[in-house]
Protein backbone atom coordinates (compact mmCIF):
# COMPACT_ATOMS: atom_id res chain seq x y z
CA UNK A 1 124.08 134.91 135.59
CA UNK A 2 120.43 135.03 134.78
CA UNK A 3 121.12 135.99 131.04
CA UNK A 4 123.51 132.99 130.84
CA UNK A 5 120.75 130.74 132.27
CA UNK A 6 118.29 132.14 129.77
CA UNK A 7 120.47 131.41 126.93
CA UNK A 8 120.93 128.02 127.80
CA UNK A 9 117.16 127.64 128.43
CA UNK A 10 116.41 128.91 124.96
CA UNK A 11 119.17 126.61 123.20
CA UNK A 12 117.63 123.90 125.12
CA UNK A 13 113.76 124.90 123.91
CA UNK A 14 115.20 125.39 120.18
CA UNK A 15 116.98 121.90 120.53
CA UNK A 16 113.72 120.26 121.46
CA UNK A 17 111.79 122.07 118.90
CA UNK A 18 113.97 121.11 116.12
CA UNK A 19 113.90 117.51 117.52
CA UNK A 20 110.08 117.39 117.36
CA UNK A 21 110.01 118.73 114.06
CA UNK A 22 112.58 116.04 113.10
CA UNK A 23 110.29 113.35 114.58
CA UNK A 24 107.32 114.82 112.81
CA UNK A 25 109.16 114.74 109.43
CA UNK A 26 109.83 111.07 110.00
CA UNK A 27 106.42 109.85 110.31
CA UNK A 28 105.33 107.95 107.27
CA UNK A 29 102.46 108.96 105.00
CA UNK A 30 100.13 105.80 105.13
CA UNK A 31 97.97 104.22 102.49
CA UNK A 32 95.69 101.78 103.72
CA UNK A 33 93.80 99.82 100.47
CA UNK A 34 90.87 97.77 102.13
CA UNK A 35 88.98 95.22 99.77
CA UNK A 36 85.38 93.97 100.14
CA UNK A 37 84.80 90.18 100.72
CA UNK A 38 88.12 88.65 99.30
CA UNK A 39 89.39 85.37 101.03
CA UNK A 40 92.90 85.02 101.56
CA UNK A 41 93.43 82.16 99.07
CA UNK A 42 92.19 84.25 96.37
CA UNK A 43 95.36 85.87 95.66
CA UNK A 44 98.77 85.14 93.67
CA UNK A 45 101.05 85.60 96.60
CA UNK A 46 98.91 83.12 98.71
CA UNK A 47 98.89 80.37 96.09
CA UNK A 48 95.94 81.16 94.00
CA UNK A 49 96.63 79.19 90.49
CA UNK A 50 94.04 80.98 88.31
CA UNK A 51 93.01 84.30 89.56
CA UNK A 52 95.78 86.75 88.70
CA UNK A 53 96.62 89.36 91.02
CA UNK A 54 99.90 91.05 89.90
CA UNK A 55 99.89 94.15 91.81
CA UNK A 56 99.22 92.24 95.21
CA UNK A 57 102.18 90.22 94.11
CA UNK A 58 104.29 93.46 93.43
CA UNK A 59 103.32 94.95 96.89
CA UNK A 60 104.29 91.63 98.59
CA UNK A 61 107.68 91.76 96.86
CA UNK A 62 108.16 95.31 98.24
CA UNK A 63 107.35 94.40 101.82
CA UNK A 64 106.07 91.48 104.28
CA UNK A 65 103.38 89.13 103.77
CA UNK A 66 101.32 87.86 106.73
CA UNK A 67 100.34 84.16 106.25
CA UNK A 68 97.96 83.90 109.40
CA UNK A 69 96.17 87.35 109.56
CA UNK A 70 92.48 87.33 110.63
CA UNK A 71 89.18 89.51 111.18
CA UNK A 72 87.14 89.81 114.12
CA UNK A 73 83.95 89.20 112.51
CA UNK A 74 82.97 87.83 108.89
CA UNK A 75 80.59 90.63 108.09
CA UNK A 76 81.16 94.03 106.92
CA UNK A 77 79.98 96.36 109.64
CA UNK A 78 81.06 94.51 112.65
CA UNK A 79 84.55 93.46 110.83
CA UNK A 80 85.23 97.35 110.23
CA UNK A 81 84.13 98.31 113.56
CA UNK A 82 86.54 96.18 115.02
CA UNK A 83 89.06 97.77 112.91
CA UNK A 84 88.34 101.26 113.68
CA UNK A 85 87.93 100.82 117.47
CA UNK A 86 90.56 98.14 118.29
CA UNK A 87 87.77 96.24 120.36
CA UNK A 88 86.04 92.94 119.69
CA UNK A 89 82.26 93.21 118.55
CA UNK A 90 80.86 92.38 122.04
CA UNK A 91 83.06 95.43 123.29
CA UNK A 92 82.28 97.91 120.90
CA UNK A 93 78.59 97.10 120.48
CA UNK A 94 78.53 96.34 116.72
CA UNK A 95 77.88 92.70 116.65
CA UNK A 96 75.40 92.00 114.11
CA UNK A 97 76.01 93.15 110.52
CA UNK A 98 74.34 96.71 110.04
CA UNK A 99 75.08 97.65 113.71
CA UNK A 100 77.68 100.10 114.73
CA UNK A 101 79.90 101.05 117.63
CA UNK A 102 78.41 102.79 120.53
CA UNK A 103 78.90 106.37 119.91
CA UNK A 104 80.91 107.05 123.13
CA UNK A 105 83.83 104.86 121.87
CA UNK A 106 86.25 106.79 120.32
CA UNK A 107 87.95 105.66 116.88
CA UNK A 108 91.70 104.93 116.68
CA UNK A 109 91.75 107.44 113.43
CA UNK A 110 91.05 110.04 115.92
CA UNK A 111 94.48 109.18 117.70
CA UNK A 112 96.32 109.37 114.51
CA UNK A 113 94.90 113.10 114.12
CA UNK A 114 95.90 113.85 117.45
CA UNK A 115 99.23 112.70 116.46
CA UNK A 116 99.26 115.39 113.48
CA UNK A 117 97.89 113.00 110.76
CA UNK A 118 95.25 114.20 108.47
CA UNK A 119 92.98 111.40 107.73
CA UNK A 120 91.10 111.09 104.44
CA UNK A 121 88.94 108.25 103.18
CA UNK A 122 87.51 107.04 99.93
CA UNK A 123 84.87 104.43 98.97
CA UNK A 124 83.79 101.78 101.42
CA UNK A 125 86.06 102.12 104.47
CA UNK A 126 83.67 101.89 107.21
CA UNK A 127 80.45 100.61 106.77
CA UNK A 128 77.14 102.57 105.61
CA UNK A 129 76.33 105.46 107.88
CA UNK A 130 79.54 104.93 109.81
CA UNK A 131 81.64 106.44 106.83
CA UNK A 132 79.94 110.04 107.33
CA UNK A 133 80.23 109.77 111.40
CA UNK A 134 83.72 108.66 111.70
CA UNK A 135 85.02 112.25 111.76
CA UNK A 136 87.55 111.77 108.90
CA UNK A 137 89.10 115.18 107.75
CA UNK A 138 87.65 114.35 104.45
CA UNK A 139 85.33 111.55 103.20
CA UNK A 140 84.01 110.74 99.53
CA UNK A 141 81.99 107.83 98.68
CA UNK A 142 83.03 106.15 95.38
CA UNK A 143 80.76 103.76 93.56
CA UNK A 144 81.66 100.30 93.10
CA UNK A 145 84.03 99.94 90.15
CA UNK A 146 84.57 103.58 90.42
CA UNK A 147 87.78 105.60 89.81
CA UNK A 148 89.37 105.40 93.11
CA UNK A 149 92.92 106.35 92.13
CA UNK A 150 91.48 109.54 90.29
CA UNK A 151 89.60 110.59 93.18
CA UNK A 152 92.65 110.16 95.56
CA UNK A 153 95.06 111.82 92.90
CA UNK A 154 92.38 114.94 92.49
CA UNK A 155 92.14 115.57 96.32
CA UNK A 156 96.06 115.37 96.69
CA UNK A 157 96.46 117.98 93.75
CA UNK A 158 93.79 120.14 95.23
CA UNK A 159 94.74 119.92 98.98
CA UNK A 160 98.33 120.33 99.46
CA UNK A 161 99.51 119.71 102.84
CA UNK A 162 102.72 119.71 105.32
CA UNK A 163 100.73 117.28 107.55
CA UNK A 164 101.53 113.37 107.38
CA UNK A 165 98.54 111.61 105.66
CA UNK A 166 96.49 108.38 106.30
CA UNK A 167 94.55 107.85 103.00
CA UNK A 168 91.96 105.05 103.59
CA UNK A 169 90.88 103.51 100.07
CA UNK A 170 87.99 101.25 100.17
CA UNK A 171 87.28 99.14 97.07
CA UNK A 172 83.84 97.56 97.03
CA UNK A 173 85.10 94.66 94.98
CA UNK A 174 84.73 91.58 95.19
CA UNK A 175 81.43 92.05 96.97
CA UNK A 176 78.33 90.95 95.06
CA UNK A 177 76.79 91.69 92.77
CA UNK A 178 79.87 90.35 90.52
CA UNK A 179 80.56 91.95 87.22
CA UNK A 180 78.73 90.39 84.27
CA UNK A 181 82.18 90.33 82.34
CA UNK A 182 84.36 87.02 82.63
CA UNK A 183 88.22 87.41 81.95
CA UNK A 184 88.44 83.90 82.91
CA UNK A 185 87.24 80.77 81.26
CA UNK A 186 84.49 78.99 83.75
CA UNK A 187 85.97 75.66 82.77
CA UNK A 188 89.44 76.90 83.95
CA UNK A 189 88.58 78.32 87.33
CA UNK A 190 89.52 76.29 90.52
CA UNK A 191 86.92 75.43 93.11
CA UNK A 192 87.32 74.52 96.84
CA UNK A 193 87.00 70.76 97.36
CA UNK A 194 83.83 71.35 99.59
CA UNK A 195 81.93 73.16 96.49
CA UNK A 196 79.43 71.35 94.43
CA UNK A 197 80.96 71.83 91.07
CA UNK A 198 78.09 72.86 88.33
CA UNK A 199 78.38 75.17 85.22
CA UNK A 200 76.52 77.98 87.24
CA UNK A 201 78.95 77.99 90.00
CA UNK A 202 81.82 78.06 87.75
CA UNK A 203 80.46 80.92 85.74
CA UNK A 204 79.93 82.83 89.04
CA UNK A 205 83.48 81.82 90.21
CA UNK A 206 85.03 83.37 86.97
CA UNK A 207 83.09 86.68 87.68
CA UNK A 208 84.22 86.84 91.01
CA UNK A 209 87.75 86.53 89.85
CA UNK A 210 86.92 88.94 87.17
CA UNK A 211 86.43 91.59 90.10
CA UNK A 212 89.34 90.71 91.93
CA UNK A 213 91.60 91.41 89.05
CA UNK A 214 89.72 94.51 88.30
CA UNK A 215 90.48 95.66 91.82
CA UNK A 216 93.98 94.56 91.70
CA UNK A 217 94.54 97.00 88.74
CA UNK A 218 93.09 99.68 90.54
CA UNK A 219 95.29 98.78 93.51
CA UNK A 220 98.45 99.01 91.15
CA UNK A 221 97.42 102.71 90.32
CA UNK A 222 96.96 103.68 93.74
CA UNK A 223 100.41 102.30 94.61
CA UNK A 224 102.06 104.03 91.73
CA UNK A 225 100.26 107.29 92.52
CA UNK A 226 101.28 107.03 96.22
CA UNK A 227 104.68 106.27 95.32
CA UNK A 228 105.20 109.16 92.92
CA UNK A 229 103.65 111.34 95.61
CA UNK A 230 105.36 110.26 98.76
CA UNK A 231 108.54 108.49 97.69
CA UNK A 232 110.00 106.40 100.46
CA UNK A 233 108.19 108.12 103.00
CA UNK A 234 105.22 105.67 102.42
CA UNK A 235 103.75 102.81 104.40
CA UNK A 236 101.33 100.73 102.30
CA UNK A 237 99.24 98.41 103.85
CA UNK A 238 96.82 96.10 102.02
CA UNK A 239 93.92 93.94 103.44
CA UNK A 240 90.28 92.59 103.11
CA UNK A 241 87.35 92.76 105.73
CA UNK A 242 86.41 88.97 105.29
CA UNK A 243 86.05 86.01 103.04
CA UNK A 244 84.15 86.21 99.91
CA UNK A 245 80.33 85.45 99.67
CA UNK A 246 80.64 81.63 99.12
CA UNK A 247 79.49 78.74 100.96
CA UNK A 248 81.52 78.33 104.07
CA UNK A 249 83.29 81.70 103.79
CA UNK A 250 81.60 85.14 104.60
CA UNK A 251 79.18 84.68 107.76
CA UNK A 252 81.22 81.71 108.74
CA UNK A 253 84.31 81.02 111.12
CA UNK A 254 85.92 78.85 108.84
CA UNK A 255 89.34 79.67 107.31
CA UNK A 256 87.68 80.90 104.11
CA UNK A 257 85.66 83.24 106.06
CA UNK A 258 88.09 84.77 108.68
CA UNK A 259 91.63 84.33 107.08
CA UNK A 260 92.41 87.52 105.04
CA UNK A 261 95.36 89.08 103.12
CA UNK A 262 97.58 91.45 104.87
CA UNK A 263 100.71 92.75 103.25
CA UNK A 264 102.51 95.73 104.41
CA UNK A 265 105.60 97.62 102.66
CA UNK A 266 107.60 100.45 103.92
CA UNK A 267 111.03 100.84 102.33
CA UNK A 268 113.93 100.93 104.75
CA UNK A 269 111.68 99.60 107.46
CA UNK A 270 110.02 96.47 106.35
CA UNK A 271 112.24 93.75 104.75
CA UNK A 272 111.47 93.26 101.15
CA UNK A 273 110.07 90.16 99.99
CA UNK A 274 109.40 88.90 103.42
CA UNK A 275 106.68 86.51 104.88
CA UNK A 276 105.67 85.83 108.54
CA UNK A 277 103.66 83.30 110.43
CA UNK A 278 102.78 85.68 113.19
CA UNK A 279 99.06 85.32 113.92
CA UNK A 280 97.53 88.69 113.70
CA UNK A 281 93.95 90.11 113.90
CA UNK A 282 92.41 93.21 112.53
CA UNK A 283 91.95 94.57 115.72
CA UNK A 284 95.89 94.86 115.90
CA UNK A 285 96.10 97.28 112.76
CA UNK A 286 95.46 100.59 114.13
CA UNK A 287 97.46 100.21 117.43
CA UNK A 288 100.33 99.12 115.21
CA UNK A 289 99.86 102.21 113.01
CA UNK A 290 99.96 104.21 116.18
CA UNK A 291 102.87 102.58 117.43
CA UNK A 292 104.75 102.90 114.36
CA UNK A 293 103.84 106.72 114.02
CA UNK A 294 104.75 107.48 117.73
CA UNK A 295 101.27 107.84 118.71
CA UNK A 296 99.96 106.73 122.16
CA UNK A 297 97.94 103.56 122.57
CA UNK A 298 95.04 103.57 124.82
CA UNK A 299 95.52 100.78 127.31
CA UNK A 300 91.83 99.18 127.15
CA UNK A 301 92.04 97.83 123.82
CA UNK A 302 91.71 94.21 122.69
CA UNK A 303 94.21 94.90 119.84
CA UNK A 304 97.80 95.25 120.42
CA UNK A 305 100.79 96.40 118.19
CA UNK A 306 102.54 94.15 116.13
CA UNK A 307 105.26 96.58 115.00
CA UNK A 308 107.88 94.27 116.26
CA UNK A 309 106.86 91.61 113.55
CA UNK A 310 107.01 94.17 110.89
CA UNK A 311 110.39 95.58 112.02
CA UNK A 312 111.64 91.64 111.89
CA UNK A 313 112.23 91.70 115.70
CA UNK A 314 109.89 88.48 116.09
CA UNK A 315 108.03 85.91 114.13
CA UNK A 316 105.22 85.51 116.81
CA UNK A 317 102.26 87.79 117.97
CA UNK A 318 99.34 86.07 119.31
CA UNK A 319 98.81 82.61 120.80
CA UNK A 320 94.87 82.49 120.17
CA UNK A 321 92.70 84.04 117.76
CA UNK A 322 89.08 84.65 118.59
CA UNK A 323 86.40 85.42 116.12
CA UNK A 324 82.78 85.83 116.38
CA UNK A 325 79.62 86.05 114.20
CA UNK A 326 76.19 87.08 115.44
CA UNK A 327 74.01 87.29 112.38
CA UNK A 328 72.91 89.62 109.56
CA UNK A 329 69.30 90.61 109.83
CA UNK A 330 66.76 87.75 108.95
CA UNK A 331 69.12 86.23 106.50
CA UNK A 332 71.51 85.04 108.68
CA UNK A 333 70.43 83.93 112.34
CA UNK A 334 73.17 81.61 113.29
CA UNK A 335 75.63 82.94 116.02
CA UNK A 336 79.05 81.14 115.95
CA UNK A 337 82.08 81.69 118.13
CA UNK A 338 85.56 80.35 117.77
CA UNK A 339 89.26 80.09 118.88
CA UNK A 340 92.19 78.97 116.95
CA UNK A 341 96.01 78.05 117.72
CA UNK A 342 98.69 77.84 115.28
CA UNK A 343 97.35 74.36 114.38
CA UNK A 344 93.88 73.84 115.88
CA UNK A 345 90.63 75.26 115.74
CA UNK A 346 87.45 74.88 118.08
CA UNK A 347 83.89 76.45 116.70
CA UNK A 348 80.91 76.74 118.98
CA UNK A 349 77.60 77.05 117.14
CA UNK A 350 75.02 78.49 119.79
CA UNK A 351 72.17 77.24 117.62
CA UNK A 352 72.89 73.77 116.38
CA UNK A 353 69.30 72.76 116.14
CA UNK A 354 68.72 75.24 113.65
CA UNK A 355 69.51 75.96 109.98
CA UNK A 356 72.57 77.89 108.97
CA UNK A 357 71.50 80.13 106.19
CA UNK A 358 72.79 83.26 104.72
CA UNK A 359 72.33 85.63 101.72
CA UNK A 360 74.14 83.45 99.29
CA UNK A 361 71.63 80.57 99.56
CA UNK A 362 68.57 82.96 100.06
CA UNK A 363 69.35 85.71 97.71
CA UNK A 364 69.72 83.81 94.56
CA UNK A 365 70.66 86.83 92.36
CA UNK A 366 72.28 86.62 88.90
CA UNK A 367 76.07 87.64 90.10
CA UNK A 368 75.49 86.31 93.56
CA UNK A 369 73.61 83.05 94.77
CA UNK A 370 71.88 82.17 91.35
CA UNK A 371 74.15 79.03 91.38
CA UNK A 372 72.31 77.75 94.40
CA UNK A 373 69.68 76.32 92.31
CA UNK A 374 71.95 74.02 90.51
CA UNK A 375 73.45 73.01 94.00
CA UNK A 376 69.66 72.21 95.27
CA UNK A 377 69.30 70.06 91.94
CA UNK A 378 72.54 68.27 92.19
CA UNK A 379 71.85 67.40 95.86
CA UNK A 380 68.72 65.53 94.71
CA UNK A 381 70.60 63.58 91.98
CA UNK A 382 74.04 62.80 93.75
CA UNK A 383 75.02 61.51 97.30
CA UNK A 384 78.23 63.50 97.60
CA UNK A 385 76.73 66.82 96.17
CA UNK A 386 73.70 66.04 98.81
CA UNK A 387 76.32 65.69 101.70
CA UNK A 388 77.84 68.95 100.91
CA UNK A 389 74.28 70.65 100.69
CA UNK A 390 73.27 68.96 104.24
CA UNK A 391 76.72 69.96 105.87
CA UNK A 392 76.10 73.79 104.80
CA UNK A 393 72.62 73.81 106.20
CA UNK A 394 73.18 71.67 109.47
CA UNK A 395 76.06 72.11 111.84
CA UNK A 396 76.81 70.37 115.02
CA UNK A 397 77.17 72.07 118.30
CA UNK A 398 80.94 71.88 118.36
CA UNK A 399 83.52 71.33 115.71
CA UNK A 400 87.09 71.04 116.10
CA UNK A 401 89.63 70.77 113.26
CA UNK A 402 93.45 69.69 112.85
CA UNK A 403 94.47 72.72 110.35
CA UNK A 404 97.93 71.18 109.70
CA UNK A 405 96.42 68.03 108.51
CA UNK A 406 92.96 69.14 107.28
CA UNK A 407 93.52 72.81 106.02
CA UNK A 408 90.14 73.20 104.60
CA UNK A 409 88.25 71.76 107.59
CA UNK A 410 86.45 69.00 106.39
CA UNK A 411 87.35 66.40 109.20
CA UNK A 412 85.42 67.45 112.43
CA UNK A 413 87.74 65.69 115.33
CA UNK A 414 85.47 66.78 118.10
CA UNK A 415 84.68 63.17 119.14
CA UNK A 416 88.48 62.07 118.58
CA UNK A 417 89.76 60.31 121.71
CA UNK A 418 93.27 61.47 120.97
CA UNK A 419 92.37 65.16 120.98
CA UNK A 420 90.14 65.65 124.04
CA UNK A 421 92.63 67.36 126.22
CA UNK A 422 93.34 69.78 123.71
CA UNK A 423 89.46 70.22 122.82
CA UNK A 424 88.94 70.93 126.63
CA UNK A 425 91.47 73.47 126.81
CA UNK A 426 90.10 75.40 123.93
CA UNK A 427 86.67 75.02 124.90
CA UNK A 428 87.43 76.60 128.25
CA UNK A 429 89.42 79.28 126.90
CA UNK A 430 86.75 80.23 124.46
CA UNK A 431 84.27 80.25 127.44
CA UNK A 432 86.49 82.49 129.60
CA UNK A 433 87.33 84.79 126.77
CA UNK A 434 83.66 85.27 126.21
CA UNK A 435 82.86 86.09 129.75
CA UNK A 436 85.77 88.54 129.87
CA UNK A 437 84.37 90.32 126.69
CA UNK A 438 81.11 90.54 128.31
CA UNK A 439 79.59 88.34 125.44
CA UNK A 440 75.76 87.83 126.24
CA UNK A 441 75.24 85.38 123.12
CA UNK A 442 72.60 87.81 121.92
CA UNK A 443 70.27 86.22 119.25
CA UNK A 444 69.13 88.86 116.47
CA UNK A 445 65.94 87.85 115.15
CA UNK A 446 64.09 84.79 114.95
CA UNK A 447 66.17 81.72 114.11
CA UNK A 448 64.94 79.01 111.68
CA UNK A 449 64.47 75.46 113.46
CA UNK A 450 65.81 72.36 111.66
CA UNK A 451 62.57 70.66 112.03
CA UNK A 452 60.84 73.23 109.70
CA UNK A 453 61.60 74.51 106.29
CA UNK A 454 64.82 76.06 105.05
CA UNK A 455 64.44 80.02 105.08
CA UNK A 456 63.63 81.41 101.48
CA UNK A 457 63.21 84.94 100.17
CA UNK A 458 59.59 84.67 100.37
CA UNK A 459 59.58 83.79 104.05
CA UNK A 460 61.90 86.78 104.86
CA UNK A 461 59.52 89.13 103.07
CA UNK A 462 56.40 88.01 104.91
């Protein structure tokens, strides 16, 4: 009887062992390609008319494109910290740019490692010293416009493994300084209607587009490499950490700053050529990866899995998107908070009596903000240019936009009588969320009063 019982026990043990092995084999290899400073609108799949991104478009044809994907904060360090922790800036400790999560907060990549994944990273994945401190199984910095695909291929050739892999590929493009090359004719580039149209602006835009196309070619090489290496057992994800370094984009909570591309492809699991209007945040990405790979998701995260969206089970995820910005050294001392629904956005500027200013208007470098000299000149000569110029520097305490009727957020409806009930609701929701987050509305460095001079590089260097 005992022998018979032991045989049954052994049978069930072997069955469980083989079942576990089968589950492990089904875990997909994951490649996550991250660009640096790319607004959603600057990609063909999102309707760009000039800049060409054939490989982003090719990836979209293989999987799902998210129309409403957002970051947590429009600056590199807090955005990437939110991605890797699944927590918003006030909770993970990385609020201002060049600040990092509290060291006792675990990264979600470690949860994937616990689930059997080898996590390797190339280029700008986290921010600054956080790359080396992120406990990746392997990390290699790659310079801007470096050979990312070559580095990935070399590593995979030299380090065979039976474990599933998460490969994080961080392209520095199209972060400034933009390339000196111009694959696009400045006369033919398209500018947002809230830009001051100058020759210098067009030249910089052509250089920005050239960097995007260069990045897209690198993306294509990594896509082909991953396809050859992993076949259909591959989940390929593409996104950007926030909008480009342009006026009203990076360091702002307007759509051009917080709305980013997100594309995901996984043969046999995600419908090819599909699109979704589900609102998702960067804090949701790693909980989703944990969910898709059978890992445990910590219960205290701000992020939550949108795996049901990827599987085509639903076309909704979040009702509200919250975003924050707290500053970037002495260049950018203008904290902002916002809440967005599928149609409306409410913005709270914490220092309305001070100038909004950032790197682009202060660091007027060739390949970055040099075009600002032409904006300043145009503002002195043209009333329409002057209005754009002043709107950039001076903001009201509250802003409210109907994104369906006004997608570029040009008509502030904060005093609109017909919208006061919605405004009141969003104002209260934002305040309640800030309290729940423990947001102390910290001011980093000294702000620039609107009654004084606008900040300059000379002032900052004093």
